[in-house]
Protein backbone atom coordinates (compact mmCIF):
# COMPACT_ATOMS: atom_id res chain seq x y z
CA MET A 1 -9.69 -31.60 74.51
CA GLU A 2 -10.68 -32.87 71.14
CA LYS A 3 -11.62 -29.53 70.01
CA LYS A 4 -7.99 -28.20 70.88
CA THR A 5 -6.33 -31.00 68.97
CA LEU A 6 -8.41 -30.69 65.99
CA LEU A 7 -7.55 -26.81 65.89
CA ILE A 8 -3.92 -27.67 66.37
CA VAL A 9 -4.32 -30.02 63.52
CA ALA A 10 -5.84 -27.51 61.30
CA ILE A 11 -3.44 -24.73 62.22
CA VAL A 12 -0.56 -27.15 61.31
CA VAL A 13 -2.16 -28.10 58.02
CA LEU A 14 -2.95 -24.47 57.19
CA ILE A 15 0.96 -23.56 57.78
CA ALA A 16 1.94 -26.64 55.39
CA VAL A 17 -0.61 -25.26 52.87
CA ILE A 18 0.81 -21.50 53.00
CA GLY A 19 4.57 -23.18 53.12
CA SER A 20 3.81 -25.09 50.01
CA VAL A 21 2.28 -22.00 48.33
CA ALA A 22 5.05 -19.47 49.07
CA TYR A 23 7.83 -22.30 48.23
CA TYR A 24 5.90 -22.77 44.62
CA PHE A 25 5.75 -19.10 43.96
CA THR A 26 9.56 -18.33 45.05
CA THR A 27 10.52 -21.23 42.73
CA LEU A 28 8.28 -20.40 39.65
CA LYS A 29 9.92 -18.91 36.98
CA PRO A 30 7.87 -16.03 35.43
CA LEU A 31 6.12 -16.87 32.16
CA THR A 32 8.05 -15.40 28.99
CA LYS A 33 6.06 -13.74 26.30
CA GLU A 34 7.21 -14.93 22.72
CA VAL A 35 5.61 -14.07 19.70
CA THR A 36 6.01 -15.29 15.89
CA ILE A 37 5.38 -12.82 12.98
CA VAL A 38 4.62 -14.09 9.52
CA VAL A 39 5.87 -12.35 6.28
CA LEU A 40 4.39 -13.41 3.23
CA SER A 41 6.93 -13.61 0.25
CA PRO A 42 7.12 -14.39 -3.27
CA GLU A 43 8.91 -17.56 -3.72
CA TRP A 44 12.48 -16.54 -5.05
CA GLU A 45 16.09 -16.23 -4.14
CA PRO A 46 15.81 -12.72 -2.66
CA GLY A 47 13.11 -13.80 -0.24
CA LYS A 48 15.27 -16.78 1.03
CA ILE A 49 18.04 -14.49 1.93
CA ALA A 50 15.59 -12.18 3.16
CA GLU A 51 14.46 -14.99 5.46
CA GLU A 52 17.85 -15.99 6.55
CA ILE A 53 18.67 -12.54 7.56
CA SER A 54 15.49 -12.28 9.45
CA LYS A 55 16.82 -14.92 11.98
CA ASN A 56 18.51 -11.93 13.48
CA PHE A 57 15.65 -9.81 14.23
CA THR A 58 14.69 -12.00 17.39
CA ALA A 59 17.26 -10.66 19.54
CA TYR A 60 16.45 -7.41 18.48
CA ALA A 61 13.36 -7.48 19.48
CA GLU A 62 14.03 -8.78 22.58
CA GLU A 63 16.22 -6.09 23.35
CA LYS A 64 13.84 -3.18 22.21
CA LEU A 65 10.36 -5.22 23.51
CA GLY A 66 11.83 -7.43 26.44
CA TYR A 67 10.39 -10.69 24.79
CA LYS A 68 11.25 -12.82 21.73
CA VAL A 69 9.66 -12.13 18.32
CA HIS A 70 10.28 -14.90 15.75
CA VAL A 71 9.86 -14.37 12.05
CA LYS A 72 8.52 -16.94 9.94
CA PHE A 73 8.60 -16.52 6.06
CA ASP A 74 5.37 -18.04 4.08
CA PHE A 75 6.72 -18.29 0.43
CA THR A 76 4.20 -18.70 -2.66
CA PRO A 77 5.06 -19.06 -6.18
CA TRP A 78 5.17 -15.92 -8.29
CA SER A 79 2.43 -17.00 -10.66
CA THR A 80 -0.19 -17.04 -7.84
CA TYR A 81 1.32 -14.71 -5.66
CA TYR A 82 -1.08 -11.99 -6.29
CA THR A 83 -4.00 -14.42 -6.07
CA ARG A 84 -2.76 -15.57 -2.45
CA VAL A 85 -2.21 -12.15 -1.07
CA MET A 86 -5.83 -10.98 -2.36
CA SER A 87 -7.18 -14.36 -0.99
CA ILE A 88 -5.93 -13.68 2.41
CA VAL A 89 -6.75 -9.76 2.80
CA THR A 90 -10.39 -10.42 1.45
CA ALA A 91 -10.95 -12.99 4.06
CA HIS A 92 -9.58 -10.61 6.67
CA SER A 93 -7.35 -13.47 7.78
CA PRO A 94 -4.29 -12.96 10.41
CA GLU A 95 -2.69 -15.54 9.15
CA ALA A 96 0.18 -13.14 7.52
CA ASP A 97 1.44 -10.03 9.47
CA ILE A 98 3.50 -8.42 6.88
CA PHE A 99 3.19 -8.48 2.92
CA PHE A 100 5.70 -8.00 0.09
CA SER A 101 3.63 -5.88 -2.06
CA ASP A 102 4.09 -5.10 -5.76
CA SER A 103 4.21 -1.33 -5.73
CA GLN A 104 1.12 -1.53 -8.26
CA TRP A 105 -0.82 -3.22 -5.34
CA LEU A 106 -0.53 -0.42 -2.74
CA GLY A 107 -4.04 1.62 -3.95
CA GLU A 108 -5.89 -1.58 -4.18
CA LEU A 109 -4.87 -2.96 -0.47
CA TYR A 110 -5.25 0.70 1.16
CA GLU A 111 -8.14 1.74 -0.50
CA GLY A 112 -9.77 -1.55 0.73
CA ARG A 113 -8.31 -0.86 4.24
CA HIS A 114 -6.52 -4.20 4.10
CA ILE A 115 -3.14 -2.48 5.26
CA ILE A 116 -2.45 0.02 7.78
CA SER A 117 -0.72 3.79 7.34
CA LEU A 118 2.78 3.92 8.67
CA LYS A 119 2.64 7.66 8.50
CA ASP A 120 2.63 8.30 12.29
CA PHE A 121 5.28 5.55 13.14
CA ILE A 122 7.74 6.72 10.27
CA LEU A 123 7.59 10.23 11.17
CA GLY A 124 7.81 9.43 14.81
CA ASP A 125 10.88 7.46 14.62
CA PRO A 126 14.22 9.52 13.76
CA ASP A 127 16.21 6.40 12.30
CA LEU A 128 13.36 5.26 10.28
CA LYS A 129 12.56 8.62 9.06
CA LYS A 130 16.17 9.66 8.11
CA ALA A 131 16.38 6.24 6.11
CA LEU A 132 13.30 6.64 4.19
CA LEU A 133 13.02 10.30 3.73
CA GLU A 134 16.62 11.37 3.25
CA ASP A 135 18.56 8.50 1.95
CA THR A 136 15.88 6.77 -0.47
CA TYR A 137 15.79 7.67 -3.98
CA PRO A 138 13.09 10.25 -4.41
CA ASN A 139 11.24 8.33 -7.27
CA LEU A 140 11.29 5.09 -5.10
CA ILE A 141 9.75 7.30 -2.30
CA TYR A 142 7.05 8.52 -4.95
CA PHE A 143 6.28 4.90 -6.20
CA TYR A 144 7.04 2.38 -3.28
CA THR A 145 5.93 4.14 -0.13
CA ALA A 146 2.69 6.55 -0.40
CA TYR A 147 -0.62 6.45 -1.15
CA PRO A 148 -1.76 8.49 -2.85
CA GLN A 149 1.42 8.84 -4.74
CA GLY A 150 3.26 11.87 -4.00
CA SER A 151 1.62 12.54 -0.38
CA ASP A 152 2.91 11.86 3.12
CA ASN A 153 0.62 9.04 3.95
CA TYR A 154 3.44 6.66 3.93
CA ILE A 155 2.01 2.92 3.86
CA ALA A 156 5.13 1.02 2.93
CA ILE A 157 9.00 1.01 2.80
CA PRO A 158 10.92 -0.56 0.27
CA GLY A 159 11.33 -4.24 0.51
CA TYR A 160 12.83 -6.07 -2.50
CA ALA A 161 14.13 -3.30 -4.47
CA ASP A 162 15.45 -4.77 -7.83
CA VAL A 163 14.31 -1.49 -9.12
CA THR A 164 14.98 -1.71 -12.74
CA PRO A 165 15.73 -4.32 -15.60
CA LEU A 166 19.40 -4.24 -16.81
CA LEU A 167 20.82 -5.35 -20.27
CA TYR A 168 23.15 -8.24 -20.24
CA PHE A 169 25.58 -8.73 -23.29
CA ARG A 170 28.12 -11.23 -24.53
CA THR A 171 31.47 -9.32 -23.88
CA ASP A 172 33.56 -12.19 -25.94
CA LEU A 173 31.29 -11.38 -29.18
CA PHE A 174 31.29 -7.48 -28.42
CA THR A 175 35.00 -7.40 -28.38
CA HIS A 176 35.91 -9.83 -30.71
CA PRO A 177 38.16 -8.15 -33.62
CA GLU A 178 36.48 -9.39 -36.63
CA GLU A 179 33.00 -8.52 -35.20
CA LYS A 180 33.85 -5.04 -34.25
CA ALA A 181 35.51 -4.51 -37.38
CA ALA A 182 32.49 -5.77 -39.44
CA PHE A 183 30.00 -3.78 -37.44
CA LYS A 184 31.70 -0.67 -37.81
CA GLN A 185 31.92 -1.20 -41.69
CA LYS A 186 28.07 -1.97 -41.75
CA TYR A 187 26.68 0.59 -39.37
CA GLY A 188 29.36 2.96 -38.92
CA TYR A 189 29.85 3.02 -35.20
CA ASP A 190 31.44 1.34 -32.73
CA LEU A 191 29.83 -1.78 -30.86
CA PRO A 192 29.55 -0.66 -27.10
CA THR A 193 31.68 -2.64 -24.97
CA THR A 194 31.82 -0.69 -21.53
CA LEU A 195 28.94 0.81 -19.34
CA GLU A 196 30.07 4.25 -20.44
CA GLU A 197 29.70 3.30 -24.13
CA TRP A 198 26.40 1.66 -23.64
CA LYS A 199 25.21 4.80 -21.86
CA ASN A 200 25.23 6.63 -25.30
CA ILE A 201 23.19 3.72 -27.22
CA ASP A 202 19.68 4.60 -28.51
CA TRP A 203 17.09 2.14 -28.92
CA VAL A 204 17.62 2.24 -32.69
CA GLN A 205 21.27 1.30 -32.36
CA LEU A 206 20.40 -1.41 -30.34
CA ARG A 207 18.29 -2.86 -33.16
CA ASP A 208 21.14 -2.32 -35.14
CA ILE A 209 23.36 -4.68 -32.69
CA ALA A 210 20.53 -7.45 -32.49
CA GLU A 211 20.24 -7.36 -36.27
CA PHE A 212 24.24 -7.82 -36.55
CA PHE A 213 24.44 -10.78 -34.29
CA THR A 214 21.48 -12.72 -35.96
CA ARG A 215 23.05 -15.36 -37.70
CA LYS A 216 21.96 -18.61 -39.36
CA LYS A 217 23.15 -21.94 -38.96
CA GLY A 218 26.53 -22.66 -40.89
CA GLU A 219 27.47 -18.99 -40.82
CA LYS A 220 30.52 -17.60 -38.51
CA LEU A 221 30.04 -15.93 -35.17
CA ALA A 222 33.22 -14.99 -33.64
CA GLY A 223 35.29 -16.83 -35.95
CA LYS A 224 33.64 -20.30 -35.14
CA VAL A 225 31.00 -21.69 -37.60
CA LEU A 226 27.62 -21.87 -35.93
CA ASP A 227 25.96 -25.47 -35.56
CA GLU A 228 22.73 -23.57 -34.95
CA ASP A 229 20.93 -20.19 -35.57
CA PHE A 230 21.98 -17.63 -33.29
CA TYR A 231 20.01 -14.53 -32.11
CA GLY A 232 20.59 -10.77 -31.43
CA ILE A 233 18.17 -10.77 -28.34
CA ALA A 234 15.60 -12.29 -26.28
CA LEU A 235 13.20 -10.42 -24.35
CA VAL A 236 10.30 -11.59 -21.94
CA LEU A 237 7.00 -11.10 -23.94
CA SER A 238 4.67 -13.57 -22.51
CA ARG A 239 0.94 -12.43 -21.36
CA ASP A 240 1.53 -13.95 -17.94
CA TYR A 241 1.04 -11.24 -15.10
CA ASP A 242 2.85 -8.18 -16.05
CA PHE A 243 5.58 -9.65 -18.18
CA ILE A 244 5.28 -7.82 -21.48
CA SER A 245 4.15 -4.72 -20.29
CA CYS A 246 7.50 -4.65 -18.31
CA SER A 247 9.32 -5.25 -21.47
CA PHE A 248 7.51 -2.78 -23.54
CA LEU A 249 7.17 0.15 -21.05
CA SER A 250 10.82 1.14 -21.14
CA VAL A 251 10.62 1.77 -24.84
CA PHE A 252 7.05 3.38 -24.62
CA TRP A 253 8.10 5.91 -22.19
CA SER A 254 11.56 6.51 -23.80
CA TRP A 255 9.48 7.40 -27.10
CA GLY A 256 8.03 10.24 -24.89
CA ASN A 257 4.49 8.85 -24.32
CA GLU A 258 2.33 8.59 -21.20
CA LEU A 259 -0.17 5.80 -20.21
CA TRP A 260 -3.11 8.28 -19.57
CA ASP A 261 -3.93 11.79 -18.97
CA PRO A 262 -2.78 12.35 -15.34
CA VAL A 263 -6.00 14.49 -14.55
CA THR A 264 -9.13 12.48 -16.37
CA HIS A 265 -7.23 9.15 -16.40
CA ASN A 266 -8.46 8.67 -19.93
CA PRO A 267 -5.79 6.90 -21.83
CA ILE A 268 -7.21 7.59 -25.42
CA GLY A 269 -4.60 9.91 -27.05
CA TYR A 270 -2.12 8.83 -24.69
CA ILE A 271 -1.45 5.31 -24.82
CA ASN A 272 -2.58 4.99 -28.53
CA ASN A 273 -1.34 8.45 -29.63
CA THR A 274 1.33 8.50 -32.98
CA LYS A 275 4.30 8.39 -30.85
CA ALA A 276 2.91 5.24 -28.67
CA LYS A 277 2.12 3.18 -32.03
CA GLU A 278 5.75 4.04 -33.58
CA ALA A 279 7.15 2.82 -30.43
CA LEU A 280 5.24 -0.38 -30.50
CA GLU A 281 5.89 -0.83 -33.92
CA PHE A 282 9.65 -0.68 -33.08
CA PHE A 283 9.07 -3.12 -30.29
CA VAL A 284 7.11 -5.57 -32.52
CA GLY A 285 10.01 -5.21 -34.85
CA LEU A 286 12.52 -6.75 -32.49
CA THR A 287 11.07 -10.24 -32.56
CA LYS A 288 12.60 -10.45 -36.16
CA TYR A 289 15.84 -11.04 -33.83
CA MET A 290 14.56 -13.25 -31.19
CA PRO A 291 14.51 -17.29 -31.29
CA PRO A 292 11.21 -18.67 -32.53
CA GLY A 293 7.94 -18.69 -30.10
CA ALA A 294 8.89 -14.98 -28.70
CA PRO A 295 5.58 -14.16 -27.68
CA THR A 296 5.46 -16.98 -25.11
CA PHE A 297 8.87 -16.10 -23.40
CA ASP A 298 8.57 -15.95 -19.94
CA TYR A 299 11.48 -14.98 -17.71
CA ASP A 300 12.59 -18.78 -17.19
CA LYS A 301 12.88 -18.90 -21.09
CA VAL A 302 14.59 -15.96 -21.47
CA ILE A 303 17.28 -16.71 -18.64
CA SER A 304 17.61 -19.91 -20.18
CA LEU A 305 18.33 -18.77 -23.66
CA TYR A 306 21.19 -16.32 -22.70
CA ALA A 307 22.54 -18.61 -20.13
CA GLN A 308 22.77 -21.57 -22.78
CA GLY A 309 24.81 -18.89 -25.25
CA LYS A 310 21.94 -18.79 -27.67
CA VAL A 311 21.50 -14.87 -27.91
CA ALA A 312 23.82 -11.94 -27.74
CA MET A 313 21.86 -9.91 -25.57
CA THR A 314 18.80 -9.87 -23.35
CA ILE A 315 17.32 -7.36 -20.69
CA LEU A 316 16.14 -8.98 -16.96
CA TRP A 317 15.77 -7.81 -13.37
CA PRO A 318 18.92 -7.70 -11.38
CA SER A 319 17.25 -10.21 -8.79
CA MET A 320 17.55 -12.96 -11.77
CA ALA A 321 21.12 -11.99 -12.85
CA PRO A 322 22.77 -14.55 -10.30
CA ALA A 323 21.60 -17.45 -12.79
CA LEU A 324 23.65 -15.65 -15.61
CA PHE A 325 26.70 -15.61 -13.70
CA ASP A 326 26.54 -19.06 -11.97
CA PRO A 327 28.96 -21.39 -13.74
CA LYS A 328 26.67 -24.03 -12.57
CA THR A 329 23.78 -22.74 -14.51
CA SER A 330 25.24 -20.41 -17.44
CA LYS A 331 27.89 -21.28 -20.36
CA VAL A 332 28.58 -17.45 -20.44
CA TYR A 333 28.97 -16.62 -16.75
CA ASP A 334 32.44 -15.52 -17.51
CA VAL A 335 32.01 -13.30 -20.92
CA THR A 336 28.74 -11.32 -19.90
CA GLY A 337 28.68 -7.80 -19.31
CA VAL A 338 26.23 -5.20 -17.92
CA ALA A 339 24.50 -2.21 -19.07
CA ILE A 340 21.81 0.23 -18.72
CA GLN A 341 18.91 0.17 -21.25
CA PRO A 342 19.17 2.11 -23.97
CA HIS A 343 17.48 5.89 -24.57
CA HIS A 344 15.50 7.13 -27.47
CA ASN A 345 16.68 10.74 -28.35
CA GLY A 346 18.06 11.24 -25.38
CA VAL A 347 14.93 10.30 -23.27
CA ARG A 348 15.59 7.31 -21.42
CA TYR A 349 13.14 5.47 -18.94
CA THR A 350 12.82 2.18 -17.17
CA VAL A 351 10.25 0.22 -15.99
CA LEU A 352 10.02 0.03 -12.04
CA GLY A 353 9.83 -3.31 -10.36
CA GLY A 354 10.25 -4.15 -6.71
CA GLN A 355 7.68 -4.98 -3.90
CA PRO A 356 7.66 -2.77 -0.98
CA LEU A 357 6.73 -4.01 2.62
CA VAL A 358 3.45 -3.22 4.21
CA VAL A 359 1.69 -4.41 7.33
CA SER A 360 -1.88 -6.09 7.30
CA ALA A 361 -4.70 -4.29 8.96
CA TYR A 362 -5.56 -8.01 10.17
CA SER A 363 -2.45 -8.40 12.11
CA ARG A 364 -2.49 -9.51 15.69
CA TYR A 365 0.93 -8.19 16.02
CA LYS A 366 0.99 -4.69 14.55
CA GLU A 367 3.53 -3.08 16.47
CA GLU A 368 5.98 -5.99 16.35
CA ALA A 369 5.55 -6.16 12.58
CA LYS A 370 6.29 -2.40 12.54
CA LEU A 371 9.44 -3.07 14.64
CA PHE A 372 10.52 -5.55 12.08
CA ILE A 373 10.20 -3.15 9.30
CA LYS A 374 12.37 -0.53 10.98
CA TRP A 375 14.64 -3.17 11.70
CA PHE A 376 15.00 -4.40 8.27
CA TYR A 377 15.30 -0.78 6.51
CA THR A 378 17.72 0.86 9.01
CA ILE A 379 19.68 -2.11 10.64
CA ALA A 380 19.77 -5.27 8.39
CA TYR A 381 19.18 -3.44 4.76
CA LYS A 382 23.16 -2.76 4.25
CA ASP A 383 23.50 -6.41 4.41
CA TYR A 384 20.67 -7.72 2.64
CA SER A 385 21.38 -5.07 -0.17
CA LEU A 386 25.03 -6.36 -0.36
CA ARG A 387 24.05 -9.95 -0.71
CA VAL A 388 21.37 -9.30 -3.49
CA GLY A 389 22.96 -6.64 -5.38
CA PHE A 390 19.95 -4.05 -5.36
CA THR A 391 18.85 -1.35 -2.93
CA ALA A 392 16.49 1.79 -2.47
CA ARG A 393 19.09 3.57 -0.42
CA ARG A 394 21.41 6.20 -2.09
CA SER A 395 24.30 5.78 0.72
CA ILE A 396 24.47 2.10 0.09
CA ALA A 397 24.32 1.90 -3.61
CA GLU A 398 26.88 4.55 -4.08
CA SER A 399 29.19 2.99 -1.54
CA PRO A 400 32.25 1.07 -2.55
CA ASP A 401 31.31 -1.96 -0.96
CA PHE A 402 27.88 -2.13 -3.06
CA LEU A 403 29.49 -0.94 -6.38
CA ASN A 404 31.96 -3.96 -6.09
CA SER A 405 29.46 -6.53 -4.50
CA LYS A 406 27.90 -7.78 -7.69
CA PRO A 407 28.94 -7.88 -11.54
CA TRP A 408 25.49 -5.84 -12.11
CA ALA A 409 25.77 -3.38 -9.30
CA ARG A 410 27.26 -0.54 -10.75
CA ALA A 411 25.03 -0.68 -13.91
CA PHE A 412 22.00 -0.96 -11.21
CA GLU A 413 23.29 2.34 -9.41
CA GLU A 414 23.45 4.04 -12.91
CA SER A 415 19.83 3.09 -13.97
CA ILE A 416 17.78 3.82 -10.49
CA GLN A 417 17.33 7.42 -11.53
CA TYR A 418 15.32 6.51 -14.67
CA ALA A 419 12.75 3.84 -12.74
CA LYS A 420 9.37 4.93 -13.61
CA ASP A 421 6.23 2.85 -12.33
CA PHE A 422 2.69 2.21 -13.81
CA TRP A 423 -0.75 2.61 -12.35
CA ASN A 424 -1.04 2.56 -8.49
CA ILE A 425 -5.02 2.40 -8.60
CA PRO A 426 -7.39 -0.15 -6.88
CA TYR A 427 -8.46 -1.37 -10.48
CA TYR A 428 -4.90 -2.06 -11.71
CA GLY A 429 -5.46 -5.44 -12.66
CA LYS A 430 -8.16 -4.71 -15.03
CA MET A 431 -6.02 -1.98 -16.61
CA LEU A 432 -3.15 -4.71 -16.88
CA GLU A 433 -5.06 -7.50 -18.13
CA VAL A 434 -6.42 -5.88 -21.05
CA GLN A 435 -2.82 -4.35 -21.84
CA GLN A 436 -1.26 -7.89 -21.52
CA LEU A 437 -3.96 -9.16 -23.91
CA TYR A 438 -3.30 -6.73 -26.84
CA LEU A 439 0.36 -6.12 -26.56
CA ASN A 440 1.09 -9.78 -26.46
CA LYS A 441 -1.44 -10.28 -29.63
CA ALA A 442 0.77 -7.49 -31.44
CA VAL A 443 4.16 -9.28 -30.88
CA ALA A 444 2.31 -12.70 -31.81
CA GLY A 445 1.19 -10.76 -35.21
CA GLU A 446 -2.44 -11.34 -34.56
CA VAL A 447 -3.39 -7.58 -34.60
CA SER A 448 -1.55 -4.83 -35.80
CA PRO A 449 0.57 -2.52 -33.12
CA SER A 450 -1.88 0.34 -34.19
CA GLU A 451 -4.89 -2.03 -33.59
CA ALA A 452 -3.58 -3.49 -30.45
CA LEU A 453 -3.25 0.05 -28.66
CA ASP A 454 -6.49 1.38 -30.01
CA ALA A 455 -8.10 -1.68 -28.53
CA ILE A 456 -6.29 -1.01 -25.18
CA ALA A 457 -7.26 2.52 -24.85
CA ALA A 458 -10.81 2.01 -25.40
CA GLU A 459 -11.16 -0.85 -22.93
CA GLN A 460 -9.00 0.92 -20.17
CA TRP A 461 -11.24 3.95 -20.73
CA ARG A 462 -14.28 1.87 -19.93
CA TYR A 463 -12.82 0.58 -16.74
CA VAL A 464 -11.61 3.65 -15.52
CA GLN A 465 -15.10 5.19 -16.21
CA GLU A 466 -16.90 2.15 -14.34
CA TYR A 467 -14.58 2.40 -11.40
CA GLU A 468 -14.51 6.32 -11.01
CA LYS A 469 -18.21 6.68 -11.35
CA LYS A 470 -18.61 4.60 -8.15
C-alpha cells in the first residue's frame, strides 16, 4: 500500500512538472536577434547628417533580414582620423564594421587585407550594380571604388562625395558698377559674375582678379573706404595632412602635368619638369594677394577669412560651404556666388575629394554591413545628397531637386567631370608627407619652387623604389 501511494505521488509530481514545463514553453516569447554595426566617420556636418538618416536603416534591415540592425556612428576629428583608422585595422580590431576611407587609402587598406572585396556582392545585386556602374560618374567609379584603379575588383562605394573644391566670390564686389568699370579699364575684359562667365576664366585671369581686389587700408572698395587691408583671395596652404596638395594640384594638372610615370612610378621629370615648376611659381605668386600668414592657413582659417568679409574669393570643398551661407557664421552669406575653378589654356582639372565606404575585414557583422552599404547608396542616397549638396550619382546631380537644393549645387554638378585623384597606393602616406613639406616650404619662401619640386621628385622616387623592391 505504501509503495502504491508513493507511485501515485510520483506520477502526480511528474504531471505537475510536465505541465509547468509545457506552460513555460507555450508562454515564453522567442528570443529576438538584434545587432549593432559601427560606422567609423570623420567628425563633421556631413557625418552628423548621415548618422541621422541611418536611423531609418533599422526598419529596412528588419524587413530584409528578419531582425533589427542598429547603426552607431563613431566620430573622430579629421586631424587624427587617419591615425585612428590605421590603429584599428593594424590591431585587427572588430570595433568598427564600416569605415569612411579617404580614396587614397584604398590601396593601403586592401593590400594590408584590412578591408574586403565587395565585387561579388555588388555584381550580384541588381539594384546596387545599376546604381554604381550605370549611374555613378565614370571618374568616381575609377577613383572611389576599385583596387587596382580601373579594375573590376570593387572594394568600396561612394560615401561622402564632396568631389571637387569650388570657387566662392563676393557678388557685391564683382557686380559693383565702379569696380566693374575699373577692372575692364585695367585688364581689358569683364569681371565674371555668372557661372557661365566663370567657366571661361583662366588661372592667369584669376590672378588678375586677386590682384585687382587687393587693397590697402584707406583705399576704396565698392564705394567705401576700407578701415583695414583687404585681400583678393585666400587658399588653404597648411602643411597639415593633404591641405596644400589639394590646393596646388588643381593648378598643377591644369598646367598639363602628371605626378609620375604611370608605368614606372618615377616622379623625376614629371612632378619637377619645366611646366610643373611654372605651375608652382604661379601658385606661390598668388600668396601676394592673400592675408599675412598664408602658409599656415588651414580650412578653419580660410572659412573664417572669407565669412568675415576679409577676402574677395576663396576655394573650398562643398562640404564646407554651409558656413559661408549661414547668417549666424557669415557676414557675406547673402552676397556670395559660386563657380567652378579656372582652366589654363583650355585644360581644367580639380583635385578629387571624398570618402568611399568600405567594410572592415575584422567585422563580426559583414553581411549586415554590406546591406547597410546597399541601403545607403540605393535607398537613402538621394535624401542624403539633397541635404548635403553633393553626390556621386548622375541621376541625382542632374535632377532639378538637387540643382535647386543648395546655392553651390549647380557649380558642383558642373565640376564633377574634372575631378582627378592622386596616388592610391600602399605607401601613399610617405609620398604625401614629403610633398606637403616642400610645397609648404615653397609658399613660405624657404625654398624656391624649382628646389621644392626637385626635392619632392628625388625623395618620392626613393620611396617608390624602397616599396616596389619588396
